[in-house]
Amino acid sequence: MRLRTIVTPLLIAALAISLTGCGAGSNASTRLIKKVTDGQEAEIRNENNNIALRNFVLVALEDGSAVVVGTVINRGENDDALLGLAIPGIQAQFTGVSTISQNQTIRFEGDSANAKAVILGANLKPGTHTDLSLFFGNAGEVKFDVLVQKPAGIYEGITA
């Protein structure tokens, strides 16, 4: 009877520790989770605006320029206009669709791109981050930290 009184709590403690362990180490399942995209996201929400920014990155090219990749979605009821984009000290050269109605998008790069934004003389290094600002006619400004990518993989073929 005495052995059972000692073994039972020890067995319960051993089971509790082994069943709640997180598999720590270099192969822990929580350590192997990957983000689907390196792109940054942001939103402008106020009483009259609902602008969503999805999957934004900058692709640094060999000539020192950087190309904006990402999607702007107008989820608000009112039309809005993207007036410009910039990193600290340098405004992007922006062409293409700029006015977006409800549920419409502005897509930078890719097969369904309808706009292009190039930042000349950015001289950014892949693997670093920088602030990217977008300026809207109604919603105002949004600034967020984006990753700088090299023109390889899914970004291969992007040109200024």
N, C-alpha and C. Protein backbone atom coordinates (compact mmCIF):
# COMPACT_ATOMS: atom_id res chain seq x y z
N MET A 1 0.82 -1.18 0.00
CA MET A 1 0.00 0.00 0.00
C MET A 1 0.87 1.25 0.00
N ARG A 2 1.96 1.21 0.74
CA ARG A 2 2.88 2.34 0.83
C ARG A 2 3.53 2.62 -0.53
N LEU A 3 3.90 1.58 -1.30
CA LEU A 3 4.51 1.74 -2.61
C LEU A 3 3.54 2.41 -3.60
N ARG A 4 2.28 2.05 -3.49
CA ARG A 4 1.26 2.63 -4.37
C ARG A 4 1.09 4.12 -4.06
N THR A 5 1.20 4.53 -2.85
CA THR A 5 1.05 5.93 -2.45
C THR A 5 2.19 6.78 -3.00
N ILE A 6 3.36 6.19 -3.16
CA ILE A 6 4.52 6.93 -3.68
C ILE A 6 4.54 6.88 -5.21
N VAL A 7 4.26 5.73 -5.81
CA VAL A 7 4.36 5.56 -7.26
C VAL A 7 3.27 6.34 -8.00
N THR A 8 2.06 6.36 -7.50
CA THR A 8 0.95 7.03 -8.18
C THR A 8 1.23 8.52 -8.40
N PRO A 9 1.60 9.30 -7.40
CA PRO A 9 1.89 10.73 -7.65
C PRO A 9 3.08 10.93 -8.60
N LEU A 10 4.10 10.07 -8.50
CA LEU A 10 5.24 10.18 -9.40
C LEU A 10 4.84 9.88 -10.84
N LEU A 11 4.01 8.88 -11.03
CA LEU A 11 3.53 8.53 -12.36
C LEU A 11 2.68 9.65 -12.94
N ILE A 12 1.83 10.24 -12.13
CA ILE A 12 0.99 11.35 -12.58
C ILE A 12 1.86 12.54 -12.95
N ALA A 13 2.87 12.86 -12.17
CA ALA A 13 3.77 13.99 -12.46
C ALA A 13 4.55 13.73 -13.75
N ALA A 14 5.04 12.51 -13.93
CA ALA A 14 5.80 12.17 -15.14
C ALA A 14 4.91 12.28 -16.38
N LEU A 15 3.70 11.80 -16.30
CA LEU A 15 2.77 11.91 -17.43
C LEU A 15 2.43 13.36 -17.74
N ALA A 16 2.21 14.15 -16.71
CA ALA A 16 1.87 15.57 -16.91
C ALA A 16 3.00 16.31 -17.62
N ILE A 17 4.22 16.05 -17.21
CA ILE A 17 5.37 16.72 -17.83
C ILE A 17 5.56 16.25 -19.27
N SER A 18 5.45 14.96 -19.51
CA SER A 18 5.68 14.46 -20.87
C SER A 18 4.55 14.83 -21.83
N LEU A 19 3.33 14.90 -21.36
CA LEU A 19 2.21 15.22 -22.23
C LEU A 19 2.09 16.71 -22.51
N THR A 20 2.61 17.55 -21.65
CA THR A 20 2.50 19.00 -21.87
C THR A 20 3.77 19.59 -22.45
N GLY A 21 4.77 18.78 -22.69
CA GLY A 21 6.02 19.28 -23.27
C GLY A 21 5.78 19.84 -24.67
N CYS A 22 6.52 20.85 -25.05
CA CYS A 22 6.30 21.50 -26.35
C CYS A 22 7.27 20.99 -27.41
N GLY A 23 8.03 19.99 -27.10
CA GLY A 23 8.98 19.50 -28.09
C GLY A 23 10.07 20.52 -28.34
N ALA A 24 10.59 21.09 -27.28
CA ALA A 24 11.60 22.14 -27.43
C ALA A 24 12.79 21.63 -28.22
N GLY A 25 13.44 22.54 -28.87
CA GLY A 25 14.60 22.19 -29.67
C GLY A 25 14.47 22.75 -31.06
N SER A 26 15.42 22.42 -31.92
CA SER A 26 15.44 23.00 -33.26
C SER A 26 14.34 22.47 -34.16
N ASN A 27 13.71 21.37 -33.78
CA ASN A 27 12.63 20.81 -34.59
C ASN A 27 11.26 20.97 -33.93
N ALA A 28 11.13 21.87 -32.97
CA ALA A 28 9.84 22.10 -32.32
C ALA A 28 8.83 22.56 -33.35
N SER A 29 7.62 22.02 -33.29
CA SER A 29 6.61 22.34 -34.30
C SER A 29 6.29 23.83 -34.32
N THR A 30 6.30 24.49 -33.18
CA THR A 30 6.00 25.92 -33.17
C THR A 30 7.13 26.74 -33.78
N ARG A 31 8.32 26.20 -33.84
CA ARG A 31 9.45 26.92 -34.43
C ARG A 31 9.48 26.79 -35.95
N LEU A 32 8.80 25.78 -36.47
CA LEU A 32 8.84 25.52 -37.90
C LEU A 32 7.70 26.18 -38.68
N ILE A 33 6.84 26.94 -37.99
CA ILE A 33 5.75 27.64 -38.66
C ILE A 33 6.34 28.77 -39.49
N LYS A 34 5.89 28.88 -40.73
CA LYS A 34 6.39 29.93 -41.62
C LYS A 34 5.24 30.83 -42.05
N LYS A 35 5.53 32.10 -42.19
CA LYS A 35 4.57 33.06 -42.70
C LYS A 35 4.41 32.80 -44.20
N VAL A 36 3.19 32.89 -44.70
CA VAL A 36 2.92 32.60 -46.09
C VAL A 36 3.63 33.60 -47.01
N THR A 37 3.72 34.84 -46.59
CA THR A 37 4.37 35.87 -47.40
C THR A 37 5.25 36.72 -46.51
N ASP A 38 6.26 37.33 -47.11
CA ASP A 38 7.10 38.26 -46.37
C ASP A 38 6.49 39.65 -46.37
N GLY A 39 5.40 39.82 -47.10
CA GLY A 39 4.79 41.13 -47.26
C GLY A 39 4.17 41.66 -45.98
N GLN A 40 4.24 42.96 -45.84
CA GLN A 40 3.69 43.65 -44.68
C GLN A 40 2.26 44.09 -44.98
N GLU A 41 1.45 44.18 -43.93
CA GLU A 41 0.07 44.58 -44.08
C GLU A 41 -0.24 45.75 -43.17
N ALA A 42 -1.19 46.58 -43.59
CA ALA A 42 -1.63 47.72 -42.79
C ALA A 42 -3.05 48.08 -43.20
N GLU A 43 -3.69 48.92 -42.40
CA GLU A 43 -5.05 49.37 -42.71
C GLU A 43 -5.23 50.82 -42.28
N ILE A 44 -6.11 51.51 -42.99
CA ILE A 44 -6.56 52.83 -42.58
C ILE A 44 -8.06 52.70 -42.38
N ARG A 45 -8.48 52.78 -41.13
CA ARG A 45 -9.91 52.70 -40.82
C ARG A 45 -10.31 53.91 -40.00
N ASN A 46 -11.27 54.63 -40.50
CA ASN A 46 -11.88 55.69 -39.71
C ASN A 46 -13.32 55.82 -40.18
N GLU A 47 -14.01 56.85 -39.78
CA GLU A 47 -15.45 56.93 -40.05
C GLU A 47 -15.82 56.87 -41.53
N ASN A 48 -14.97 57.35 -42.42
CA ASN A 48 -15.32 57.37 -43.85
C ASN A 48 -14.42 56.52 -44.73
N ASN A 49 -13.41 55.88 -44.17
CA ASN A 49 -12.43 55.17 -45.00
C ASN A 49 -12.13 53.78 -44.44
N ASN A 50 -11.89 52.87 -45.36
CA ASN A 50 -11.46 51.52 -44.98
C ASN A 50 -10.55 51.01 -46.10
N ILE A 51 -9.27 51.34 -45.99
CA ILE A 51 -8.28 50.96 -46.98
C ILE A 51 -7.40 49.86 -46.39
N ALA A 52 -7.26 48.75 -47.12
CA ALA A 52 -6.41 47.64 -46.69
C ALA A 52 -5.19 47.55 -47.61
N LEU A 53 -4.03 47.41 -47.01
CA LEU A 53 -2.77 47.24 -47.75
C LEU A 53 -2.29 45.83 -47.47
N ARG A 54 -2.04 45.05 -48.51
CA ARG A 54 -1.69 43.65 -48.34
C ARG A 54 -0.40 43.29 -49.08
N ASN A 55 0.43 42.52 -48.39
CA ASN A 55 1.63 41.88 -48.96
C ASN A 55 2.62 42.86 -49.58
N PHE A 56 2.90 43.96 -48.90
CA PHE A 56 3.83 44.96 -49.43
C PHE A 56 5.28 44.62 -49.10
N VAL A 57 6.11 44.64 -50.13
CA VAL A 57 7.57 44.52 -50.02
C VAL A 57 8.18 45.46 -51.04
N LEU A 58 9.46 45.71 -50.90
CA LEU A 58 10.22 46.44 -51.91
C LEU A 58 11.23 45.48 -52.49
N VAL A 59 11.40 45.50 -53.81
CA VAL A 59 12.39 44.66 -54.47
C VAL A 59 13.54 45.57 -54.90
N ALA A 60 14.72 45.33 -54.33
CA ALA A 60 15.91 46.14 -54.63
C ALA A 60 16.57 45.62 -55.90
N LEU A 61 16.76 46.51 -56.86
CA LEU A 61 17.38 46.14 -58.14
C LEU A 61 18.84 46.58 -58.15
N GLU A 62 19.61 45.99 -59.05
CA GLU A 62 21.05 46.26 -59.13
C GLU A 62 21.38 47.72 -59.45
N ASP A 63 20.50 48.42 -60.15
CA ASP A 63 20.76 49.82 -60.50
C ASP A 63 20.50 50.78 -59.34
N GLY A 64 20.13 50.26 -58.16
CA GLY A 64 19.89 51.09 -56.98
C GLY A 64 18.43 51.46 -56.79
N SER A 65 17.59 51.15 -57.76
CA SER A 65 16.16 51.46 -57.61
C SER A 65 15.47 50.36 -56.81
N ALA A 66 14.28 50.67 -56.34
CA ALA A 66 13.45 49.70 -55.62
C ALA A 66 12.05 49.74 -56.23
N VAL A 67 11.44 48.57 -56.40
CA VAL A 67 10.12 48.46 -56.99
C VAL A 67 9.14 48.01 -55.91
N VAL A 68 7.99 48.67 -55.85
CA VAL A 68 6.96 48.34 -54.86
C VAL A 68 6.16 47.15 -55.35
N VAL A 69 5.93 46.20 -54.45
CA VAL A 69 5.07 45.04 -54.71
C VAL A 69 4.01 45.02 -53.61
N GLY A 70 2.75 44.88 -53.98
CA GLY A 70 1.68 44.82 -52.99
C GLY A 70 0.34 45.17 -53.60
N THR A 71 -0.70 45.12 -52.77
CA THR A 71 -2.07 45.37 -53.22
C THR A 71 -2.76 46.34 -52.27
N VAL A 72 -3.46 47.32 -52.84
CA VAL A 72 -4.29 48.25 -52.09
C VAL A 72 -5.74 47.88 -52.38
N ILE A 73 -6.56 47.75 -51.33
CA ILE A 73 -7.97 47.39 -51.47
C ILE A 73 -8.82 48.47 -50.80
N ASN A 74 -9.80 48.99 -51.53
CA ASN A 74 -10.71 49.96 -50.94
C ASN A 74 -11.95 49.21 -50.46
N ARG A 75 -12.06 49.03 -49.16
CA ARG A 75 -13.21 48.34 -48.58
C ARG A 75 -14.27 49.33 -48.10
N GLY A 76 -13.99 50.60 -48.28
CA GLY A 76 -14.94 51.63 -47.85
C GLY A 76 -15.99 51.91 -48.91
N GLU A 77 -16.98 52.70 -48.55
CA GLU A 77 -18.07 53.03 -49.47
C GLU A 77 -17.68 54.16 -50.41
N ASN A 78 -16.69 54.97 -50.03
CA ASN A 78 -16.32 56.14 -50.82
C ASN A 78 -15.11 55.86 -51.70
N ASP A 79 -15.10 56.47 -52.88
CA ASP A 79 -13.93 56.39 -53.74
C ASP A 79 -12.76 57.08 -53.05
N ASP A 80 -11.57 56.65 -53.36
CA ASP A 80 -10.37 57.31 -52.84
C ASP A 80 -9.31 57.26 -53.93
N ALA A 81 -8.28 58.07 -53.76
CA ALA A 81 -7.21 58.13 -54.75
C ALA A 81 -5.88 57.98 -54.05
N LEU A 82 -5.04 57.12 -54.60
CA LEU A 82 -3.66 57.00 -54.13
C LEU A 82 -2.87 58.11 -54.81
N LEU A 83 -2.38 59.04 -54.00
CA LEU A 83 -1.69 60.22 -54.53
C LEU A 83 -0.20 59.99 -54.73
N GLY A 84 0.39 59.09 -53.94
CA GLY A 84 1.82 58.85 -54.07
C GLY A 84 2.33 57.85 -53.04
N LEU A 85 3.59 57.46 -53.22
CA LEU A 85 4.28 56.54 -52.33
C LEU A 85 5.68 57.08 -52.11
N ALA A 86 6.27 56.75 -50.94
CA ALA A 86 7.63 57.24 -50.67
C ALA A 86 8.29 56.41 -49.58
N ILE A 87 9.61 56.38 -49.64
CA ILE A 87 10.42 55.91 -48.52
C ILE A 87 11.05 57.17 -47.94
N PRO A 88 11.68 57.13 -46.78
CA PRO A 88 12.24 58.36 -46.21
C PRO A 88 13.16 59.08 -47.19
N GLY A 89 12.77 60.29 -47.55
CA GLY A 89 13.59 61.14 -48.39
C GLY A 89 13.44 60.96 -49.89
N ILE A 90 12.70 59.94 -50.36
CA ILE A 90 12.60 59.70 -51.80
C ILE A 90 11.16 59.32 -52.16
N GLN A 91 10.58 60.08 -53.09
CA GLN A 91 9.24 59.79 -53.57
C GLN A 91 9.31 58.83 -54.75
N ALA A 92 8.35 57.93 -54.83
CA ALA A 92 8.29 56.95 -55.93
C ALA A 92 7.73 57.58 -57.19
N GLN A 93 8.18 57.08 -58.32
CA GLN A 93 7.56 57.40 -59.60
C GLN A 93 6.40 56.43 -59.77
N PHE A 94 5.19 56.97 -59.78
CA PHE A 94 3.98 56.17 -59.72
C PHE A 94 3.17 56.35 -61.00
N THR A 95 2.82 55.24 -61.67
CA THR A 95 1.98 55.27 -62.87
C THR A 95 0.90 54.21 -62.76
N GLY A 96 -0.15 54.38 -63.53
CA GLY A 96 -1.23 53.40 -63.57
C GLY A 96 -2.47 53.87 -62.83
N VAL A 97 -3.29 52.93 -62.42
CA VAL A 97 -4.55 53.22 -61.73
C VAL A 97 -4.25 53.90 -60.40
N SER A 98 -4.97 54.98 -60.14
CA SER A 98 -4.78 55.67 -58.87
C SER A 98 -6.08 55.84 -58.10
N THR A 99 -7.22 55.90 -58.79
CA THR A 99 -8.50 56.05 -58.11
C THR A 99 -9.15 54.69 -57.96
N ILE A 100 -9.62 54.41 -56.76
CA ILE A 100 -10.26 53.11 -56.52
C ILE A 100 -11.62 53.31 -55.85
N SER A 101 -12.60 52.59 -56.38
CA SER A 101 -13.95 52.59 -55.83
C SER A 101 -14.07 51.46 -54.82
N GLN A 102 -15.24 51.35 -54.24
CA GLN A 102 -15.49 50.30 -53.25
C GLN A 102 -15.18 48.92 -53.84
N ASN A 103 -14.43 48.13 -53.09
CA ASN A 103 -14.03 46.76 -53.44
C ASN A 103 -13.13 46.67 -54.68
N GLN A 104 -12.55 47.77 -55.09
CA GLN A 104 -11.59 47.78 -56.19
C GLN A 104 -10.18 47.73 -55.62
N THR A 105 -9.21 47.39 -56.48
CA THR A 105 -7.84 47.24 -56.02
C THR A 105 -6.86 47.98 -56.93
N ILE A 106 -5.72 48.28 -56.33
CA ILE A 106 -4.54 48.71 -57.08
C ILE A 106 -3.50 47.64 -56.80
N ARG A 107 -3.00 47.00 -57.87
CA ARG A 107 -2.02 45.93 -57.72
C ARG A 107 -0.69 46.36 -58.33
N PHE A 108 0.33 46.30 -57.50
CA PHE A 108 1.69 46.61 -57.96
C PHE A 108 2.40 45.30 -58.25
N GLU A 109 2.74 45.09 -59.51
CA GLU A 109 3.48 43.92 -60.01
C GLU A 109 2.58 42.69 -60.09
N GLY A 110 3.06 41.69 -60.80
CA GLY A 110 2.33 40.45 -60.99
C GLY A 110 1.50 40.45 -62.26
N ASP A 111 0.85 39.32 -62.53
CA ASP A 111 0.07 39.15 -63.75
C ASP A 111 -1.12 40.10 -63.85
N SER A 112 -1.69 40.47 -62.73
CA SER A 112 -2.87 41.34 -62.76
C SER A 112 -2.54 42.77 -62.32
N ALA A 113 -1.28 43.17 -62.44
CA ALA A 113 -0.86 44.51 -62.04
C ALA A 113 -1.57 45.57 -62.87
N ASN A 114 -1.98 46.64 -62.19
CA ASN A 114 -2.59 47.77 -62.88
C ASN A 114 -1.91 49.09 -62.50
N ALA A 115 -0.76 48.98 -61.79
CA ALA A 115 0.00 50.16 -61.39
C ALA A 115 1.47 49.78 -61.22
N LYS A 116 2.33 50.79 -61.24
CA LYS A 116 3.77 50.57 -61.08
C LYS A 116 4.32 51.70 -60.23
N ALA A 117 5.17 51.37 -59.26
CA ALA A 117 5.82 52.37 -58.43
C ALA A 117 7.30 52.00 -58.30
N VAL A 118 8.16 52.90 -58.76
CA VAL A 118 9.60 52.69 -58.73
C VAL A 118 10.24 53.83 -57.94
N ILE A 119 11.13 53.47 -57.03
CA ILE A 119 11.83 54.45 -56.23
C ILE A 119 13.27 54.48 -56.71
N LEU A 120 13.60 55.52 -57.48
CA LEU A 120 14.94 55.64 -58.05
C LEU A 120 15.93 56.09 -56.97
N GLY A 121 17.13 55.54 -57.02
CA GLY A 121 18.18 55.93 -56.07
C GLY A 121 17.92 55.50 -54.65
N ALA A 122 17.11 54.48 -54.45
CA ALA A 122 16.80 54.02 -53.09
C ALA A 122 18.02 53.38 -52.42
N ASN A 123 18.81 52.64 -53.20
CA ASN A 123 20.02 51.97 -52.71
C ASN A 123 19.77 51.18 -51.43
N LEU A 124 18.75 50.34 -51.46
CA LEU A 124 18.39 49.50 -50.32
C LEU A 124 19.04 48.13 -50.45
N LYS A 125 19.37 47.52 -49.30
CA LYS A 125 19.97 46.19 -49.30
C LYS A 125 18.91 45.13 -49.01
N PRO A 126 18.87 44.07 -49.82
CA PRO A 126 17.95 42.97 -49.54
C PRO A 126 18.17 42.42 -48.13
N GLY A 127 17.08 42.08 -47.48
CA GLY A 127 17.14 41.55 -46.12
C GLY A 127 16.98 42.62 -45.06
N THR A 128 16.98 43.89 -45.45
CA THR A 128 16.76 44.97 -44.49
C THR A 128 15.30 45.41 -44.55
N HIS A 129 14.96 46.36 -43.70
CA HIS A 129 13.61 46.93 -43.68
C HIS A 129 13.71 48.44 -43.88
N THR A 130 12.62 49.02 -44.37
CA THR A 130 12.53 50.47 -44.46
C THR A 130 11.07 50.87 -44.32
N ASP A 131 10.84 52.13 -43.97
CA ASP A 131 9.47 52.65 -43.90
C ASP A 131 8.97 52.97 -45.30
N LEU A 132 7.75 52.56 -45.58
CA LEU A 132 7.09 52.90 -46.84
C LEU A 132 5.82 53.66 -46.48
N SER A 133 5.63 54.83 -47.10
CA SER A 133 4.43 55.64 -46.86
C SER A 133 3.59 55.66 -48.12
N LEU A 134 2.27 55.56 -47.94
CA LEU A 134 1.32 55.72 -49.03
C LEU A 134 0.41 56.88 -48.65
N PHE A 135 0.12 57.73 -49.62
CA PHE A 135 -0.67 58.93 -49.38
C PHE A 135 -1.98 58.86 -50.17
N PHE A 136 -3.10 58.98 -49.47
CA PHE A 136 -4.42 58.89 -50.09
C PHE A 136 -5.14 60.23 -50.00
N GLY A 137 -5.98 60.53 -50.99
CA GLY A 137 -6.71 61.78 -51.02
C GLY A 137 -7.67 61.94 -49.85
N ASN A 138 -8.39 60.90 -49.48
CA ASN A 138 -9.36 60.98 -48.38
C ASN A 138 -8.85 60.31 -47.11
N ALA A 139 -8.27 59.14 -47.23
CA ALA A 139 -7.88 58.36 -46.05
C ALA A 139 -6.63 58.91 -45.36
N GLY A 140 -5.84 59.71 -46.07
CA GLY A 140 -4.63 60.27 -45.46
C GLY A 140 -3.42 59.40 -45.71
N GLU A 141 -2.47 59.45 -44.78
CA GLU A 141 -1.20 58.74 -44.92
C GLU A 141 -1.16 57.50 -44.05
N VAL A 142 -0.52 56.47 -44.57
CA VAL A 142 -0.19 55.30 -43.77
C VAL A 142 1.28 55.01 -43.99
N LYS A 143 1.98 54.73 -42.89
CA LYS A 143 3.41 54.41 -42.97
C LYS A 143 3.61 53.08 -42.25
N PHE A 144 4.33 52.17 -42.90
CA PHE A 144 4.62 50.89 -42.27
C PHE A 144 5.96 50.37 -42.71
N ASP A 145 6.50 49.47 -41.91
CA ASP A 145 7.84 48.92 -42.09
C ASP A 145 7.76 47.72 -43.04
N VAL A 146 8.47 47.80 -44.17
CA VAL A 146 8.43 46.71 -45.16
C VAL A 146 9.81 46.09 -45.35
N LEU A 147 9.80 44.84 -45.76
CA LEU A 147 11.01 44.08 -46.02
C LEU A 147 11.52 44.39 -47.43
N VAL A 148 12.83 44.46 -47.57
CA VAL A 148 13.46 44.65 -48.87
C VAL A 148 13.91 43.28 -49.36
N GLN A 149 13.45 42.89 -50.55
CA GLN A 149 13.77 41.59 -51.13
C GLN A 149 14.74 41.75 -52.29
N LYS A 150 15.42 40.66 -52.64
CA LYS A 150 16.24 40.65 -53.85
C LYS A 150 15.36 40.15 -55.00
N PRO A 151 15.72 40.46 -56.23
CA PRO A 151 14.89 40.05 -57.37
C PRO A 151 15.11 38.59 -57.74
N ALA A 152 14.71 37.70 -56.87
CA ALA A 152 14.87 36.26 -57.09
C ALA A 152 13.58 35.55 -56.66
N GLY A 153 13.44 34.31 -57.06
CA GLY A 153 12.24 33.54 -56.70
C GLY A 153 11.01 34.18 -57.32
N ILE A 154 10.00 34.42 -56.50
CA ILE A 154 8.76 35.01 -57.02
C ILE A 154 8.95 36.45 -57.46
N TYR A 155 10.04 37.08 -57.07
CA TYR A 155 10.32 38.47 -57.46
C TYR A 155 11.25 38.56 -58.67
N GLU A 156 11.64 37.43 -59.21
CA GLU A 156 12.51 37.43 -60.39
C GLU A 156 11.77 38.01 -61.58
N GLY A 157 12.43 38.80 -62.35
CA GLY A 157 11.81 39.40 -63.51
C GLY A 157 11.21 40.77 -63.27
N ILE A 158 11.21 41.23 -62.03
CA ILE A 158 10.70 42.57 -61.74
C ILE A 158 11.73 43.58 -62.21
N THR A 159 11.26 44.56 -62.94
CA THR A 159 12.14 45.58 -63.50
C THR A 159 11.64 46.97 -63.14
N ALA A 160 12.55 47.94 -63.25
CA ALA A 160 12.17 49.33 -63.00
C ALA A 160 11.46 49.85 -64.22
